[in-house]
């Protein structure tokens, strides 16, 4: 999550290995130029991610807290490849439609991208913080669903 997401992209773990440094997708400063910390809404799309197994089409309330969350793709063709299948979590508006519009999309990522995963599904780099909404005592349980899917996938 968050800083780990940025690191996974910089290390080349997502979307796949072997991309040259100059073409490697990464997460850069939000379009707003500010640190964004607030409740947001995301939609889970079909993907190979084991962390999101069985969650396709789920719409979740989730917390965001980052200054560098804009998914940047130096290569537009790579963006197109990632957009269909390797970008499984997207920011959505009040109608659950994927959006690039602020404030629904807190960082301005193209296609509302909030996460990237590897083709094999073992790596999921996400900007939102599901751990902050995994306990009802702390405000919600939508984030818990992501962690439960990991356990269910291991069975």
N, C-alpha and C. Protein backbone atom coordinates (compact mmCIF):
# COMPACT_ATOMS: atom_id res chain seq x y z
N UNK A 1 0.83 -1.17 0.00
CA UNK A 1 0.00 0.00 0.00
C UNK A 1 0.88 1.25 0.00
N UNK A 2 0.41 2.25 -0.64
CA UNK A 2 0.98 3.60 -0.67
C UNK A 2 2.49 3.62 -0.97
N UNK A 3 3.34 3.78 0.04
CA UNK A 3 4.78 3.83 -0.22
C UNK A 3 5.28 2.51 -0.80
N UNK A 4 4.71 1.41 -0.36
CA UNK A 4 5.05 0.11 -0.93
C UNK A 4 4.66 0.03 -2.39
N UNK A 5 3.55 0.65 -2.73
CA UNK A 5 3.09 0.71 -4.11
C UNK A 5 4.11 1.45 -4.97
N UNK A 6 4.55 2.59 -4.49
CA UNK A 6 5.55 3.37 -5.22
C UNK A 6 6.84 2.57 -5.40
N UNK A 7 7.26 1.88 -4.35
CA UNK A 7 8.48 1.09 -4.40
C UNK A 7 8.35 -0.08 -5.38
N UNK A 8 7.21 -0.79 -5.34
CA UNK A 8 7.01 -1.92 -6.25
C UNK A 8 7.09 -1.47 -7.71
N UNK A 9 6.55 -0.29 -7.99
CA UNK A 9 6.63 0.22 -9.36
C UNK A 9 8.07 0.57 -9.72
N UNK A 10 8.76 1.26 -8.83
CA UNK A 10 10.16 1.64 -9.10
C UNK A 10 11.06 0.43 -9.26
N UNK A 11 10.78 -0.64 -8.51
CA UNK A 11 11.57 -1.86 -8.62
C UNK A 11 11.21 -2.68 -9.86
N UNK A 12 10.11 -2.32 -10.49
CA UNK A 12 9.70 -3.04 -11.69
C UNK A 12 8.94 -4.32 -11.42
N UNK A 13 8.34 -4.46 -10.23
CA UNK A 13 7.55 -5.65 -9.92
C UNK A 13 6.18 -5.59 -10.56
N UNK A 14 5.68 -4.37 -10.79
CA UNK A 14 4.41 -4.17 -11.49
C UNK A 14 4.65 -3.16 -12.60
N UNK A 15 4.03 -3.24 -13.72
CA UNK A 15 3.10 -4.31 -14.06
C UNK A 15 3.79 -5.62 -14.43
N UNK A 16 5.00 -5.58 -14.94
CA UNK A 16 5.77 -6.79 -15.20
C UNK A 16 7.25 -6.46 -15.20
N UNK A 17 8.06 -7.47 -15.07
CA UNK A 17 9.52 -7.28 -14.99
C UNK A 17 10.13 -7.05 -16.37
N UNK A 18 11.30 -6.42 -16.37
CA UNK A 18 12.06 -6.27 -17.60
C UNK A 18 11.80 -5.00 -18.37
N UNK A 19 11.09 -4.05 -17.78
CA UNK A 19 10.82 -2.78 -18.45
C UNK A 19 12.01 -1.85 -18.18
N UNK A 20 12.47 -1.16 -19.20
CA UNK A 20 13.58 -0.23 -18.99
C UNK A 20 13.15 0.89 -18.04
N UNK A 21 14.11 1.44 -17.32
CA UNK A 21 13.82 2.48 -16.34
C UNK A 21 13.04 3.66 -16.92
N UNK A 22 13.41 4.08 -18.13
CA UNK A 22 12.74 5.25 -18.71
C UNK A 22 11.29 4.97 -19.11
N UNK A 23 10.92 3.70 -19.28
CA UNK A 23 9.54 3.35 -19.66
C UNK A 23 8.73 2.78 -18.50
N UNK A 24 9.38 2.54 -17.37
CA UNK A 24 8.72 1.93 -16.22
C UNK A 24 7.61 2.83 -15.67
N UNK A 25 6.37 2.31 -15.61
CA UNK A 25 5.31 3.08 -14.96
C UNK A 25 5.67 3.34 -13.50
N UNK A 26 5.23 4.48 -12.98
CA UNK A 26 5.53 4.83 -11.60
C UNK A 26 4.45 5.77 -11.07
N UNK A 27 4.53 6.05 -9.81
CA UNK A 27 3.56 6.93 -9.17
C UNK A 27 4.25 8.24 -8.82
N UNK A 28 3.70 9.34 -9.31
CA UNK A 28 4.32 10.66 -9.16
C UNK A 28 3.37 11.61 -8.44
N UNK A 29 3.80 12.85 -8.27
CA UNK A 29 3.02 13.87 -7.53
C UNK A 29 1.60 14.01 -8.07
N UNK A 30 0.67 14.09 -7.15
CA UNK A 30 -0.74 14.28 -7.49
C UNK A 30 -0.92 15.52 -8.36
N UNK A 31 -1.90 15.47 -9.26
CA UNK A 31 -2.18 16.64 -10.10
C UNK A 31 -2.50 17.87 -9.27
N UNK A 32 -3.12 17.66 -8.11
CA UNK A 32 -3.48 18.79 -7.25
C UNK A 32 -2.25 19.48 -6.67
N UNK A 33 -1.11 18.79 -6.68
CA UNK A 33 0.10 19.33 -6.10
C UNK A 33 0.10 19.27 -4.58
N UNK A 34 -0.88 18.57 -4.02
CA UNK A 34 -1.02 18.51 -2.56
C UNK A 34 -1.07 17.07 -2.08
N UNK A 35 -0.81 16.92 -0.79
CA UNK A 35 -1.04 15.65 -0.12
C UNK A 35 -2.55 15.51 0.02
N UNK A 36 -3.09 14.39 -0.40
CA UNK A 36 -4.54 14.15 -0.34
C UNK A 36 -4.81 13.08 0.70
N UNK A 37 -5.62 13.41 1.68
CA UNK A 37 -5.97 12.46 2.73
C UNK A 37 -7.47 12.56 2.97
N UNK A 38 -8.18 11.49 2.54
CA UNK A 38 -9.62 11.50 2.70
C UNK A 38 -10.22 10.15 2.33
N UNK A 39 -11.50 10.03 2.61
CA UNK A 39 -12.27 8.85 2.23
C UNK A 39 -12.58 8.96 0.75
N UNK A 40 -12.44 7.85 0.04
CA UNK A 40 -12.71 7.81 -1.38
C UNK A 40 -13.46 6.52 -1.71
N UNK A 41 -13.81 6.35 -2.96
CA UNK A 41 -14.53 5.16 -3.39
C UNK A 41 -13.80 4.55 -4.58
N UNK A 42 -13.65 3.23 -4.56
CA UNK A 42 -12.99 2.52 -5.65
C UNK A 42 -13.86 1.36 -6.10
N UNK A 43 -13.58 0.93 -7.31
CA UNK A 43 -14.24 -0.26 -7.86
C UNK A 43 -13.17 -1.28 -8.21
N UNK A 44 -13.46 -2.54 -7.93
CA UNK A 44 -12.54 -3.62 -8.22
C UNK A 44 -12.94 -4.24 -9.56
N UNK A 45 -11.99 -4.29 -10.47
CA UNK A 45 -12.22 -4.87 -11.79
C UNK A 45 -11.62 -6.28 -11.86
N UNK A 46 -11.97 -6.99 -12.88
CA UNK A 46 -11.43 -8.33 -13.10
C UNK A 46 -9.92 -8.24 -13.30
N UNK A 47 -9.20 -9.14 -12.62
CA UNK A 47 -7.74 -9.15 -12.73
C UNK A 47 -7.21 -10.49 -12.24
N UNK A 48 -5.92 -10.74 -12.46
CA UNK A 48 -5.32 -11.96 -11.92
C UNK A 48 -4.91 -11.85 -10.45
N UNK A 49 -5.11 -10.70 -9.82
CA UNK A 49 -4.64 -10.48 -8.45
C UNK A 49 -5.28 -11.44 -7.45
N UNK A 50 -4.44 -12.18 -6.71
CA UNK A 50 -4.99 -13.09 -5.69
C UNK A 50 -5.58 -12.31 -4.52
N UNK A 51 -5.11 -11.08 -4.30
CA UNK A 51 -5.67 -10.27 -3.21
C UNK A 51 -7.09 -9.83 -3.49
N UNK A 52 -7.50 -9.87 -4.74
CA UNK A 52 -8.83 -9.39 -5.11
C UNK A 52 -9.72 -10.51 -5.63
N UNK A 53 -9.30 -11.75 -5.38
CA UNK A 53 -10.05 -12.90 -5.85
C UNK A 53 -11.50 -12.85 -5.36
N UNK A 54 -12.44 -12.98 -6.28
CA UNK A 54 -13.85 -12.99 -5.93
C UNK A 54 -14.45 -11.62 -5.65
N UNK A 55 -13.70 -10.56 -5.90
CA UNK A 55 -14.19 -9.21 -5.58
C UNK A 55 -14.58 -8.38 -6.81
N UNK A 56 -14.53 -8.99 -7.98
CA UNK A 56 -14.84 -8.28 -9.21
C UNK A 56 -16.19 -7.55 -9.10
N UNK A 57 -16.20 -6.31 -9.53
CA UNK A 57 -17.37 -5.41 -9.53
C UNK A 57 -17.74 -4.88 -8.14
N UNK A 58 -16.95 -5.20 -7.12
CA UNK A 58 -17.20 -4.63 -5.79
C UNK A 58 -16.87 -3.15 -5.80
N UNK A 59 -17.69 -2.36 -5.13
CA UNK A 59 -17.44 -0.94 -4.94
C UNK A 59 -17.20 -0.76 -3.45
N UNK A 60 -16.03 -0.20 -3.11
CA UNK A 60 -15.60 -0.11 -1.72
C UNK A 60 -15.28 1.31 -1.30
N UNK A 61 -15.67 1.63 -0.09
CA UNK A 61 -15.19 2.85 0.53
C UNK A 61 -13.79 2.58 1.05
N UNK A 62 -12.89 3.53 0.83
CA UNK A 62 -11.49 3.28 1.19
C UNK A 62 -10.81 4.61 1.52
N UNK A 63 -9.80 4.56 2.34
CA UNK A 63 -9.08 5.77 2.72
C UNK A 63 -7.88 5.96 1.80
N UNK A 64 -7.63 7.22 1.42
CA UNK A 64 -6.42 7.56 0.67
C UNK A 64 -5.62 8.56 1.48
N UNK A 65 -4.32 8.48 1.38
CA UNK A 65 -3.42 9.41 2.08
C UNK A 65 -2.08 9.37 1.37
N UNK A 66 -1.92 10.24 0.38
CA UNK A 66 -0.67 10.26 -0.37
C UNK A 66 -0.47 11.58 -1.11
N UNK A 67 0.78 11.88 -1.36
CA UNK A 67 1.14 13.06 -2.14
C UNK A 67 1.64 12.69 -3.52
N UNK A 68 2.01 11.42 -3.68
CA UNK A 68 2.54 10.94 -4.96
C UNK A 68 1.80 9.67 -5.36
N UNK A 69 0.57 9.85 -5.84
CA UNK A 69 -0.25 8.70 -6.20
C UNK A 69 -0.70 8.66 -7.64
N UNK A 70 -0.28 9.62 -8.44
CA UNK A 70 -0.69 9.68 -9.83
C UNK A 70 0.05 8.60 -10.62
N UNK A 71 -0.69 7.67 -11.20
CA UNK A 71 -0.09 6.61 -12.01
C UNK A 71 0.40 7.24 -13.32
N UNK A 72 1.70 7.19 -13.51
CA UNK A 72 2.33 7.80 -14.68
C UNK A 72 2.87 6.71 -15.59
N UNK A 73 2.51 6.79 -16.86
CA UNK A 73 2.95 5.83 -17.86
C UNK A 73 3.73 6.57 -18.94
N UNK A 74 5.06 6.49 -18.94
CA UNK A 74 5.85 7.16 -19.98
C UNK A 74 5.52 6.65 -21.39
N UNK A 75 5.09 5.39 -21.48
CA UNK A 75 4.76 4.77 -22.76
C UNK A 75 3.24 4.57 -22.83
N UNK A 76 2.58 5.26 -23.74
CA UNK A 76 1.12 5.20 -23.85
C UNK A 76 0.62 3.82 -24.25
N UNK A 77 1.41 3.07 -25.01
CA UNK A 77 1.02 1.70 -25.38
C UNK A 77 1.02 0.80 -24.15
N UNK A 78 1.97 1.02 -23.25
CA UNK A 78 2.02 0.25 -22.02
C UNK A 78 0.80 0.56 -21.15
N UNK A 79 0.40 1.83 -21.15
CA UNK A 79 -0.81 2.22 -20.42
C UNK A 79 -2.00 1.42 -20.94
N UNK A 80 -2.13 1.34 -22.24
CA UNK A 80 -3.25 0.61 -22.84
C UNK A 80 -3.22 -0.86 -22.45
N UNK A 81 -2.04 -1.46 -22.43
CA UNK A 81 -1.91 -2.86 -22.03
C UNK A 81 -2.31 -3.05 -20.57
N UNK A 82 -1.90 -2.14 -19.71
CA UNK A 82 -2.19 -2.24 -18.28
C UNK A 82 -3.66 -1.96 -17.98
N UNK A 83 -4.23 -1.04 -18.73
CA UNK A 83 -5.60 -0.60 -18.46
C UNK A 83 -6.60 -1.76 -18.51
N UNK A 84 -6.34 -2.74 -19.32
CA UNK A 84 -7.25 -3.87 -19.45
C UNK A 84 -6.69 -5.11 -18.79
N UNK A 85 -6.88 -5.21 -17.48
CA UNK A 85 -6.49 -6.40 -16.75
C UNK A 85 -5.45 -6.24 -15.66
N UNK A 86 -4.55 -5.26 -15.79
CA UNK A 86 -3.50 -5.11 -14.79
C UNK A 86 -3.65 -3.85 -13.95
N UNK A 87 -4.78 -3.19 -14.08
CA UNK A 87 -5.10 -2.02 -13.25
C UNK A 87 -6.45 -2.32 -12.57
N UNK A 88 -6.43 -3.18 -11.55
CA UNK A 88 -7.66 -3.75 -11.02
C UNK A 88 -8.46 -2.90 -10.05
N UNK A 89 -7.90 -1.81 -9.56
CA UNK A 89 -8.64 -0.96 -8.63
C UNK A 89 -8.68 0.43 -9.23
N UNK A 90 -9.90 0.98 -9.34
CA UNK A 90 -10.08 2.29 -9.98
C UNK A 90 -10.93 3.20 -9.10
N UNK A 91 -10.58 4.47 -9.12
CA UNK A 91 -11.39 5.46 -8.42
C UNK A 91 -12.69 5.66 -9.20
N UNK A 92 -13.80 5.77 -8.46
CA UNK A 92 -15.10 5.96 -9.09
C UNK A 92 -15.83 7.15 -8.48
N UNK A 93 -16.81 7.64 -9.24
CA UNK A 93 -17.63 8.76 -8.77
C UNK A 93 -18.83 8.24 -8.00
N UNK A 94 -19.76 9.14 -7.70
CA UNK A 94 -20.94 8.76 -6.91
C UNK A 94 -21.86 7.78 -7.63
N UNK A 95 -21.70 7.63 -8.95
CA UNK A 95 -22.49 6.68 -9.72
C UNK A 95 -21.71 5.39 -10.00
N UNK A 96 -20.58 5.21 -9.31
CA UNK A 96 -19.70 4.05 -9.46
C UNK A 96 -19.10 3.94 -10.86
N UNK A 97 -18.93 5.07 -11.52
CA UNK A 97 -18.29 5.12 -12.83
C UNK A 97 -16.83 5.51 -12.65
N UNK A 98 -15.94 4.81 -13.34
CA UNK A 98 -14.52 5.11 -13.28
C UNK A 98 -14.31 6.56 -13.69
N UNK A 99 -13.46 7.27 -12.93
CA UNK A 99 -13.30 8.70 -13.18
C UNK A 99 -11.86 9.19 -13.02
N UNK A 100 -11.59 10.24 -13.75
CA UNK A 100 -10.35 10.98 -13.59
C UNK A 100 -10.62 12.32 -12.91
N UNK A 101 -11.89 12.58 -12.61
CA UNK A 101 -12.30 13.88 -12.07
C UNK A 101 -11.97 14.00 -10.58
N UNK A 102 -11.43 15.15 -10.24
CA UNK A 102 -11.14 15.50 -8.85
C UNK A 102 -12.43 16.02 -8.23
N UNK A 103 -12.77 15.72 -7.03
CA UNK A 103 -12.01 15.06 -5.98
C UNK A 103 -12.21 13.54 -5.91
N UNK A 104 -13.08 12.98 -6.77
CA UNK A 104 -13.30 11.53 -6.72
C UNK A 104 -12.00 10.77 -6.94
N UNK A 105 -11.23 11.20 -7.91
CA UNK A 105 -9.90 10.64 -8.18
C UNK A 105 -8.92 11.62 -7.53
N UNK A 106 -8.40 11.29 -6.35
CA UNK A 106 -7.61 12.25 -5.58
C UNK A 106 -6.25 12.61 -6.16
N UNK A 107 -5.78 11.84 -7.14
CA UNK A 107 -4.45 12.12 -7.67
C UNK A 107 -4.42 12.43 -9.15
N UNK A 108 -5.53 12.21 -9.87
CA UNK A 108 -5.58 12.50 -11.29
C UNK A 108 -5.08 11.40 -12.19
N UNK A 109 -4.97 10.18 -11.66
CA UNK A 109 -4.46 9.06 -12.46
C UNK A 109 -5.34 8.81 -13.68
N UNK A 110 -4.70 8.53 -14.83
CA UNK A 110 -5.47 8.22 -16.02
C UNK A 110 -6.29 6.95 -15.81
N UNK A 111 -7.50 6.95 -16.33
CA UNK A 111 -8.35 5.77 -16.18
C UNK A 111 -8.74 5.49 -14.74
N UNK A 112 -8.54 6.46 -13.84
CA UNK A 112 -8.87 6.26 -12.43
C UNK A 112 -8.02 5.23 -11.73
N UNK A 113 -6.86 4.91 -12.28
CA UNK A 113 -6.03 3.82 -11.75
C UNK A 113 -5.56 4.11 -10.32
N UNK A 114 -5.89 3.16 -9.43
CA UNK A 114 -5.47 3.24 -8.04
C UNK A 114 -4.54 2.10 -7.67
N UNK A 115 -4.33 1.16 -8.61
CA UNK A 115 -3.48 0.00 -8.34
C UNK A 115 -3.01 -0.64 -9.64
N UNK A 116 -1.88 -1.33 -9.55
CA UNK A 116 -1.37 -2.15 -10.65
C UNK A 116 -1.04 -3.52 -10.09
N UNK A 117 -1.25 -4.55 -10.91
CA UNK A 117 -0.85 -5.89 -10.48
C UNK A 117 0.00 -6.56 -11.55
N UNK A 118 0.67 -7.61 -11.15
CA UNK A 118 1.49 -8.37 -12.08
C UNK A 118 0.61 -9.37 -12.82
N UNK A 119 1.01 -9.80 -14.01
CA UNK A 119 0.20 -10.74 -14.78
C UNK A 119 -0.09 -12.05 -14.05
N UNK A 120 0.84 -12.49 -13.20
CA UNK A 120 0.64 -13.72 -12.44
C UNK A 120 -0.23 -13.54 -11.21
N UNK A 121 -0.52 -12.29 -10.85
CA UNK A 121 -1.39 -12.00 -9.72
C UNK A 121 -0.75 -11.99 -8.36
N UNK A 122 0.55 -12.24 -8.27
CA UNK A 122 1.21 -12.32 -6.97
C UNK A 122 1.54 -10.96 -6.39
N UNK A 123 1.68 -9.95 -7.24
CA UNK A 123 2.02 -8.61 -6.77
C UNK A 123 0.87 -7.66 -7.05
N UNK A 124 0.47 -6.94 -6.02
CA UNK A 124 -0.56 -5.91 -6.15
C UNK A 124 -0.05 -4.67 -5.46
N UNK A 125 0.14 -3.63 -6.23
CA UNK A 125 0.59 -2.34 -5.70
C UNK A 125 -0.60 -1.39 -5.73
N UNK A 126 -1.06 -0.96 -4.55
CA UNK A 126 -2.23 -0.08 -4.50
C UNK A 126 -1.93 1.17 -3.69
N UNK A 127 -2.49 2.29 -4.14
CA UNK A 127 -2.31 3.54 -3.42
C UNK A 127 -3.24 3.67 -2.22
N UNK A 128 -4.51 3.29 -2.31
CA UNK A 128 -5.39 3.42 -1.13
C UNK A 128 -4.93 2.55 0.03
N UNK A 129 -5.51 2.82 1.19
CA UNK A 129 -5.14 2.14 2.43
C UNK A 129 -6.29 1.28 2.95
N UNK A 130 -6.43 0.04 2.47
CA UNK A 130 -7.52 -0.80 2.98
C UNK A 130 -7.36 -1.14 4.46
N UNK A 131 -6.13 -1.14 4.94
CA UNK A 131 -5.91 -1.47 6.36
C UNK A 131 -6.56 -0.46 7.29
N UNK A 132 -6.81 0.74 6.80
CA UNK A 132 -7.44 1.77 7.63
C UNK A 132 -8.96 1.58 7.74
N UNK A 133 -9.49 0.68 6.92
CA UNK A 133 -10.92 0.38 6.99
C UNK A 133 -11.12 -1.13 7.09
N UNK A 134 -10.41 -1.74 8.01
CA UNK A 134 -10.52 -3.18 8.21
C UNK A 134 -11.10 -3.53 9.57
N UNK A 135 -11.44 -2.54 10.36
CA UNK A 135 -11.94 -2.76 11.71
C UNK A 135 -13.15 -1.86 11.95
N UNK A 136 -14.30 -2.43 12.29
CA UNK A 136 -15.48 -1.59 12.53
C UNK A 136 -15.29 -0.57 13.65
N UNK A 137 -14.40 -0.87 14.59
CA UNK A 137 -14.13 0.07 15.68
C UNK A 137 -13.40 1.32 15.17
N UNK A 138 -12.77 1.18 13.99
CA UNK A 138 -12.02 2.30 13.43
C UNK A 138 -12.75 2.97 12.27
N UNK A 139 -13.99 2.56 12.00
CA UNK A 139 -14.77 3.26 11.01
C UNK A 139 -15.30 2.49 9.83
N UNK A 140 -15.00 1.22 9.70
CA UNK A 140 -15.55 0.49 8.56
C UNK A 140 -14.91 -0.85 8.36
N UNK A 141 -15.47 -1.62 7.43
CA UNK A 141 -14.95 -2.95 7.17
C UNK A 141 -14.71 -3.23 5.69
N UNK A 142 -14.90 -2.26 4.80
CA UNK A 142 -14.69 -2.51 3.38
C UNK A 142 -13.26 -2.99 3.11
N UNK A 143 -12.30 -2.43 3.80
CA UNK A 143 -10.91 -2.84 3.60
C UNK A 143 -10.65 -4.28 4.01
N UNK A 144 -11.41 -4.76 4.97
CA UNK A 144 -11.25 -6.13 5.45
C UNK A 144 -11.50 -7.14 4.33
N UNK A 145 -12.39 -6.83 3.41
CA UNK A 145 -12.72 -7.75 2.33
C UNK A 145 -11.48 -8.11 1.50
N UNK A 146 -10.60 -7.14 1.31
CA UNK A 146 -9.38 -7.40 0.54
C UNK A 146 -8.50 -8.41 1.28
N UNK A 147 -8.35 -8.24 2.57
CA UNK A 147 -7.51 -9.15 3.34
C UNK A 147 -8.15 -10.53 3.48
N UNK A 148 -9.47 -10.59 3.57
CA UNK A 148 -10.16 -11.88 3.63
C UNK A 148 -9.98 -12.66 2.33
N UNK A 149 -9.94 -11.95 1.21
CA UNK A 149 -9.79 -12.64 -0.07
C UNK A 149 -8.42 -13.32 -0.16
N UNK A 150 -7.41 -12.76 0.50
CA UNK A 150 -6.09 -13.39 0.52
C UNK A 150 -6.18 -14.74 1.24
N UNK A 151 -6.83 -14.75 2.38
CA UNK A 151 -6.97 -15.97 3.17
C UNK A 151 -7.75 -17.02 2.39
N UNK A 152 -8.85 -16.59 1.77
CA UNK A 152 -9.68 -17.52 1.00
C UNK A 152 -8.92 -18.07 -0.21
N UNK A 153 -8.08 -17.27 -0.83
CA UNK A 153 -7.29 -17.73 -1.98
C UNK A 153 -6.26 -18.77 -1.58
N UNK A 154 -5.78 -18.70 -0.33
CA UNK A 154 -4.75 -19.63 0.14
C UNK A 154 -5.33 -21.00 0.50
N UNK A 155 -6.63 -21.07 0.64
CA UNK A 155 -7.25 -22.35 1.06
C UNK A 155 -7.29 -23.35 -0.04
